[in-house]
C-alpha atoms as a PDB file:
ATOM      1  CA  ILE A   1      -1.974 -32.331 -15.103  1.00  0.00           C
ATOM      2  CA  SER A   2      -3.516 -33.405 -12.116  1.00  0.00           C
ATOM      3  CA  ALA A   3      -6.837 -35.500 -11.344  1.00  0.00           C
ATOM      4  CA  VAL A   4      -9.296 -33.754  -9.057  1.00  0.00           C
ATOM      5  CA  VAL A   5     -12.262 -35.217  -7.263  1.00  0.00           C
ATOM      6  CA  ASN A   6     -14.539 -33.243  -5.173  1.00  0.00           C
ATOM      7  CA  GLY A   7     -12.095 -30.271  -5.392  1.00  0.00           C
ATOM      8  CA  LYS A   8      -9.232 -32.373  -3.894  1.00  0.00           C
ATOM      9  CA  CYS A   9      -6.155 -33.318  -6.076  1.00  0.00           C
ATOM     10  CA  LEU A  10      -6.266 -36.960  -6.314  1.00  0.00           C
ATOM     11  CA  ASN A  11      -3.322 -37.414  -8.391  1.00  0.00           C
ATOM     12  CA  THR A  12      -0.926 -35.392 -10.137  1.00  0.00           C
ATOM     13  CA  SER A  13       1.847 -35.912 -12.880  1.00  0.00           C
ATOM     14  CA  MET A  14       4.417 -33.680 -10.516  1.00  0.00           C
ATOM     15  CA  GLY A  15       6.445 -35.862  -8.751  1.00  0.00           C
ATOM     16  CA  LEU A  16       9.050 -34.721  -6.091  1.00  0.00           C
ATOM     17  CA  THR A  17       9.732 -31.909  -8.270  1.00  0.00           C
ATOM     18  CA  PRO A  18       8.337 -30.652 -11.533  1.00  0.00           C
ATOM     19  CA  ASN A  19      10.848 -32.558 -13.755  1.00  0.00           C
ATOM     20  CA  ALA A  20       8.537 -35.835 -13.054  1.00  0.00           C
ATOM     21  CA  GLY A  21       5.617 -35.627 -15.334  1.00  0.00           C
ATOM     22  CA  LEU A  22       5.267 -33.946 -18.858  1.00  0.00           C
ATOM     23  CA  ILE A  23       7.910 -32.867 -21.006  1.00  0.00           C
ATOM     24  CA  MET A  24       8.608 -29.617 -20.392  1.00  0.00           C
ATOM     25  CA  GLY A  25      10.190 -26.269 -22.121  1.00  0.00           C
ATOM     26  CA  THR A  26      13.666 -27.315 -20.555  1.00  0.00           C
ATOM     27  CA  ARG A  27      12.872 -30.463 -18.303  1.00  0.00           C
ATOM     28  CA  CYS A  28      12.539 -33.889 -19.218  1.00  0.00           C
ATOM     29  CA  GLY A  29       9.960 -35.140 -17.807  1.00  0.00           C
ATOM     30  CA  ASP A  30       9.195 -39.027 -16.981  1.00  0.00           C
ATOM     31  CA  ILE A  31      12.235 -40.841 -18.017  1.00  0.00           C
ATOM     32  CA  ASP A  32      13.667 -44.239 -17.656  1.00  0.00           C
ATOM     33  CA  ALA A  33      15.940 -43.713 -14.331  1.00  0.00           C
ATOM     34  CA  SER A  34      18.633 -45.854 -15.630  1.00  0.00           C
ATOM     35  CA  ILE A  35      19.692 -43.145 -18.141  1.00  0.00           C
ATOM     36  CA  ILE A  36      21.056 -40.899 -15.385  1.00  0.00           C
ATOM     37  CA  PRO A  37      23.582 -43.571 -14.576  1.00  0.00           C
ATOM     38  CA  TYR A  38      24.256 -44.495 -18.254  1.00  0.00           C
ATOM     39  CA  VAL A  39      24.321 -40.896 -19.597  1.00  0.00           C
ATOM     40  CA  MET A  40      27.142 -39.897 -16.708  1.00  0.00           C
ATOM     41  CA  GLU A  41      29.332 -42.513 -17.242  1.00  0.00           C
ATOM     42  CA  LYS A  42      29.061 -42.192 -21.266  1.00  0.00           C
ATOM     43  CA  THR A  43      30.012 -38.665 -20.674  1.00  0.00           C
ATOM     44  CA  GLY A  44      31.737 -38.116 -17.439  1.00  0.00           C
ATOM     45  CA  MET A  45      28.956 -35.601 -16.180  1.00  0.00           C
ATOM     46  CA  SER A  46      28.873 -34.947 -12.599  1.00  0.00           C
ATOM     47  CA  ALA A  47      25.813 -35.459 -10.774  1.00  0.00           C
ATOM     48  CA  LYS A  48      25.410 -31.431 -10.500  1.00  0.00           C
ATOM     49  CA  GLU A  49      25.795 -31.458 -14.693  1.00  0.00           C
ATOM     50  CA  MET A  50      23.594 -33.998 -15.000  1.00  0.00           C
ATOM     51  CA  ASP A  51      20.859 -32.366 -12.654  1.00  0.00           C
ATOM     52  CA  THR A  52      21.289 -29.189 -14.949  1.00  0.00           C
ATOM     53  CA  ALA A  53      21.071 -31.064 -18.019  1.00  0.00           C
ATOM     54  CA  ILE A  54      17.290 -32.773 -17.242  1.00  0.00           C
ATOM     55  CA  ASN A  55      16.343 -29.456 -15.833  1.00  0.00           C
ATOM     56  CA  LYS A  56      17.544 -26.932 -17.893  1.00  0.00           C
ATOM     57  CA  GLU A  57      18.471 -28.404 -20.936  1.00  0.00           C
ATOM     58  CA  SER A  58      16.186 -31.043 -21.622  1.00  0.00           C
ATOM     59  CA  GLY A  59      12.525 -31.371 -22.585  1.00  0.00           C
ATOM     60  CA  LEU A  60      11.005 -29.410 -25.857  1.00  0.00           C
ATOM     61  CA  LEU A  61      14.221 -27.566 -26.040  1.00  0.00           C
ATOM     62  CA  ALA A  62      16.317 -30.790 -26.685  1.00  0.00           C
ATOM     63  CA  LEU A  63      13.809 -32.481 -28.959  1.00  0.00           C
ATOM     64  CA  SER A  64      13.457 -29.066 -31.162  1.00  0.00           C
ATOM     65  CA  GLY A  65      15.945 -26.483 -30.308  1.00  0.00           C
ATOM     66  CA  TYR A  66      13.072 -24.473 -28.799  1.00  0.00           C
ATOM     67  CA  SER A  67      11.533 -24.178 -25.133  1.00  0.00           C
ATOM     68  CA  ASP A  68       8.606 -21.973 -25.916  1.00  0.00           C
ATOM     69  CA  SER A  69       5.961 -23.902 -27.515  1.00  0.00           C
ATOM     70  CA  ARG A  70       5.319 -20.690 -29.570  1.00  0.00           C
ATOM     71  CA  ASP A  71       8.464 -21.259 -31.650  1.00  0.00           C
ATOM     72  CA  ILE A  72       7.530 -25.027 -31.832  1.00  0.00           C
ATOM     73  CA  GLU A  73       4.307 -24.226 -33.303  1.00  0.00           C
ATOM     74  CA  ASP A  74       5.989 -21.783 -36.106  1.00  0.00           C
ATOM     75  CA  GLY A  75       8.620 -24.575 -36.508  1.00  0.00           C
ATOM     76  CA  ILE A  76       5.906 -27.012 -37.005  1.00  0.00           C
ATOM     77  CA  ALA A  77       4.375 -24.413 -39.543  1.00  0.00           C
ATOM     78  CA  ARG A  78       7.524 -24.531 -41.699  1.00  0.00           C
ATOM     79  CA  GLY A  79       7.798 -28.091 -41.599  1.00  0.00           C
ATOM     80  CA  ASP A  80      10.755 -28.732 -39.223  1.00  0.00           C
ATOM     81  CA  GLU A  81      10.795 -32.388 -38.234  1.00  0.00           C
ATOM     82  CA  LYS A  82      12.380 -31.696 -34.775  1.00  0.00           C
ATOM     83  CA  CYS A  83       9.563 -29.172 -33.990  1.00  0.00           C
ATOM     84  CA  ILE A  84       6.948 -31.789 -35.340  1.00  0.00           C
ATOM     85  CA  LEU A  85       8.555 -34.535 -32.928  1.00  0.00           C
ATOM     86  CA  ALA A  86       8.510 -32.461 -29.812  1.00  0.00           C
ATOM     87  CA  GLN A  87       5.291 -31.746 -30.795  1.00  0.00           C
ATOM     88  CA  LYS A  88       3.938 -35.384 -30.846  1.00  0.00           C
ATOM     89  CA  MET A  89       6.257 -36.435 -28.145  1.00  0.00           C
ATOM     90  CA  TYR A  90       4.516 -33.751 -25.630  1.00  0.00           C
ATOM     91  CA  VAL A  91       1.203 -34.434 -26.720  1.00  0.00           C
ATOM     92  CA  ARG A  92       1.196 -38.170 -26.651  1.00  0.00           C
ATOM     93  CA  ARG A  93       2.371 -37.509 -22.798  1.00  0.00           C
ATOM     94  CA  ILE A  94      -0.466 -35.353 -21.786  1.00  0.00           C
ATOM     95  CA  VAL A  95      -2.971 -38.005 -23.596  1.00  0.00           C
ATOM     96  CA  ASP A  96      -1.165 -40.859 -21.592  1.00  0.00           C
ATOM     97  CA  TYR A  97      -1.746 -38.839 -18.440  1.00  0.00           C
ATOM     98  CA  ILE A  98      -5.221 -37.879 -19.081  1.00  0.00           C
ATOM     99  CA  ALA A  99      -5.992 -41.504 -20.471  1.00  0.00           C
ATOM    100  CA  ARG A 100      -4.789 -42.769 -16.914  1.00  0.00           C
ATOM    101  CA  TYR A 101      -6.422 -40.481 -14.753  1.00  0.00           C
ATOM    102  CA  TYR A 102      -9.773 -40.886 -16.388  1.00  0.00           C
ATOM    103  CA  VAL A 103      -9.289 -44.895 -15.714  1.00  0.00           C
ATOM    104  CA  GLU A 104      -8.201 -44.277 -12.212  1.00  0.00           C
ATOM    105  CA  MET A 105     -11.156 -42.031 -11.482  1.00  0.00           C
ATOM    106  CA  ASN A 106     -13.740 -44.252 -13.356  1.00  0.00           C
ATOM    107  CA  GLY A 107     -14.482 -41.485 -15.635  1.00  0.00           C
ATOM    108  CA  CYS A 108     -14.573 -37.921 -15.417  1.00  0.00           C
ATOM    109  CA  ASP A 109     -16.772 -34.929 -15.823  1.00  0.00           C
ATOM    110  CA  ALA A 110     -14.590 -32.587 -17.249  1.00  0.00           C
ATOM    111  CA  ILE A 111     -11.236 -31.943 -18.598  1.00  0.00           C
ATOM    112  CA  VAL A 112      -9.976 -28.542 -18.309  1.00  0.00           C
ATOM    113  CA  PHE A 113      -7.037 -26.640 -20.439  1.00  0.00           C
ATOM    114  CA  THR A 114      -5.586 -23.650 -18.363  1.00  0.00           C
ATOM    115  CA  ALA A 115      -2.358 -21.367 -18.185  1.00  0.00           C
ATOM    116  CA  GLY A 116      -0.436 -20.378 -20.994  1.00  0.00           C
ATOM    117  CA  ILE A 117      -0.078 -23.546 -23.672  1.00  0.00           C
ATOM    118  CA  GLY A 118      -3.710 -24.618 -22.616  1.00  0.00           C
ATOM    119  CA  GLU A 119      -5.251 -21.279 -22.786  1.00  0.00           C
ATOM    120  CA  LYS A 120      -3.276 -20.518 -26.376  1.00  0.00           C
ATOM    121  CA  ALA A 121      -2.285 -23.662 -28.160  1.00  0.00           C
ATOM    122  CA  ILE A 122      -5.562 -24.129 -30.525  1.00  0.00           C
ATOM    123  CA  ASP A 123      -3.455 -27.043 -32.445  1.00  0.00           C
ATOM    124  CA  THR A 124      -2.359 -28.507 -29.031  1.00  0.00           C
ATOM    125  CA  ARG A 125      -5.864 -28.603 -27.709  1.00  0.00           C
ATOM    126  CA  ARG A 126      -6.681 -29.681 -30.905  1.00  0.00           C
ATOM    127  CA  ASP A 127      -4.406 -33.050 -30.951  1.00  0.00           C
ATOM    128  CA  ILE A 128      -4.784 -33.745 -27.609  1.00  0.00           C
ATOM    129  CA  LEU A 129      -8.731 -34.151 -27.879  1.00  0.00           C
ATOM    130  CA  ASN A 130      -8.652 -36.170 -31.071  1.00  0.00           C
ATOM    131  CA  LEU A 131      -6.381 -38.899 -29.382  1.00  0.00           C
ATOM    132  CA  LEU A 132      -8.973 -39.540 -26.813  1.00  0.00           C
ATOM    133  CA  SER A 133     -11.731 -39.753 -29.000  1.00  0.00           C
ATOM    134  CA  SER A 134     -12.053 -43.407 -28.323  1.00  0.00           C
ATOM    135  CA  LEU A 135     -13.152 -42.450 -24.829  1.00  0.00           C
ATOM    136  CA  GLY A 136     -16.189 -40.697 -26.502  1.00  0.00           C
ATOM    137  CA  ILE A 137     -14.347 -37.126 -25.802  1.00  0.00           C
ATOM    138  CA  TYR A 138     -15.003 -34.515 -28.853  1.00  0.00           C
ATOM    139  CA  LEU A 139     -13.933 -31.566 -30.043  1.00  0.00           C
ATOM    140  CA  ASN A 140     -15.633 -28.941 -31.220  1.00  0.00           C
ATOM    141  CA  GLU A 141     -13.417 -27.305 -33.703  1.00  0.00           C
ATOM    142  CA  GLU A 142     -14.989 -24.158 -34.271  1.00  0.00           C
ATOM    143  CA  ALA A 143     -15.395 -23.356 -30.463  1.00  0.00           C
ATOM    144  CA  ASN A 144     -11.497 -24.434 -30.241  1.00  0.00           C
ATOM    145  CA  ASN A 145     -10.314 -21.726 -32.810  1.00  0.00           C
ATOM    146  CA  PHE A 146      -9.725 -19.107 -29.915  1.00  0.00           C
ATOM    147  CA  LYS A 147      -7.214 -18.110 -27.440  1.00  0.00           C
ATOM    148  CA  SER A 148      -7.974 -16.901 -23.807  1.00  0.00           C
ATOM    149  CA  GLU A 149     -11.335 -16.770 -22.998  1.00  0.00           C
ATOM    150  CA  GLU A 150     -13.473 -19.332 -20.996  1.00  0.00           C
ATOM    151  CA  ARG A 151     -15.250 -21.490 -23.118  1.00  0.00           C
ATOM    152  CA  LYS A 152     -16.498 -25.093 -23.821  1.00  0.00           C
ATOM    153  CA  ILE A 153     -14.659 -26.573 -26.423  1.00  0.00           C
ATOM    154  CA  SER A 154     -16.261 -30.011 -26.485  1.00  0.00           C
ATOM    155  CA  THR A 155     -19.185 -30.921 -28.585  1.00  0.00           C
ATOM    156  CA  ASP A 156     -22.484 -31.491 -27.096  1.00  0.00           C
ATOM    157  CA  ASP A 157     -22.463 -35.574 -27.378  1.00  0.00           C
ATOM    158  CA  SER A 158     -19.219 -35.709 -26.027  1.00  0.00           C
ATOM    159  CA  LYS A 159     -19.286 -38.218 -22.840  1.00  0.00           C
ATOM    160  CA  VAL A 160     -16.638 -35.650 -21.260  1.00  0.00           C
ATOM    161  CA  GLU A 161     -17.514 -31.804 -21.516  1.00  0.00           C
ATOM    162  CA  CYS A 162     -13.743 -30.290 -22.410  1.00  0.00           C
ATOM    163  CA  TRP A 163     -13.104 -26.653 -21.280  1.00  0.00           C
ATOM    164  CA  VAL A 164     -10.822 -23.804 -21.551  1.00  0.00           C
ATOM    165  CA  ILE A 165     -10.760 -21.675 -18.181  1.00  0.00           C
ATOM    166  CA  PRO A 166      -8.028 -19.149 -18.189  1.00  0.00           C
ATOM    167  CA  THR A 167      -5.931 -18.447 -15.034  1.00  0.00           C
ATOM    168  CA  ASP A 168      -4.152 -16.027 -13.067  1.00  0.00           C
ATOM    169  CA  GLU A 169      -1.297 -17.746 -11.451  1.00  0.00           C
ATOM    170  CA  GLU A 170       0.313 -14.851  -9.827  1.00  0.00           C
ATOM    171  CA  LEU A 171      -2.946 -13.480  -8.551  1.00  0.00           C
ATOM    172  CA  MET A 172      -3.764 -17.308  -7.110  1.00  0.00           C
ATOM    173  CA  ILE A 173       0.063 -16.984  -5.754  1.00  0.00           C
ATOM    174  CA  ALA A 174      -0.823 -13.847  -3.840  1.00  0.00           C
ATOM    175  CA  LYS A 175      -4.226 -14.744  -2.402  1.00  0.00           C
ATOM    176  CA  ASP A 176      -2.672 -18.241  -1.153  1.00  0.00           C
ATOM    177  CA  THR A 177       0.352 -15.925   0.419  1.00  0.00           C
ATOM    178  CA  PHE A 178      -2.529 -13.765   2.441  1.00  0.00           C
ATOM    179  CA  GLU A 179      -4.336 -16.551   3.261  1.00  0.00           C
ATOM    180  CA  LEU A 180      -0.946 -18.257   4.790  1.00  0.00           C
ATOM    181  CA  VAL A 181       0.396 -14.939   6.417  1.00  0.00           C
END
């Protein structure tokens, strides 16, 4: 997640590596740093094994058994408690960052959902925006009921406009590479 002011990133959830910040498919996201030596001591894991665990065996995978949000959505529909927990933790982490950045920027003009989950996860967008209602941010349920097209999904009385804007990450990488070359 990024907080953007005048086209420049003011803050981002990513740290030195993409392992910081949000819970991801196989990455743990933000954790108490003391958990690392604790787990290493209890399990006998080496530093390399611990690195593999927090980058490739954690996150949504460790919580639910699935690293793909579509599988988690299917699990939620089946009533799978692990998938329900993973989704709640994922959404909570996103809401925490949005709220933090909202305060840091003294409000914002828009919240934009993009990329795979942001473009396609109708229920995730709903869950996130419903938890932000105390900030005067309101979801238009009908507008939110779609995937992968640019669209405003907040109500007209929402204090912050919320949008879904599709992205083409490969195209952006190619354009950036071209500019650098």
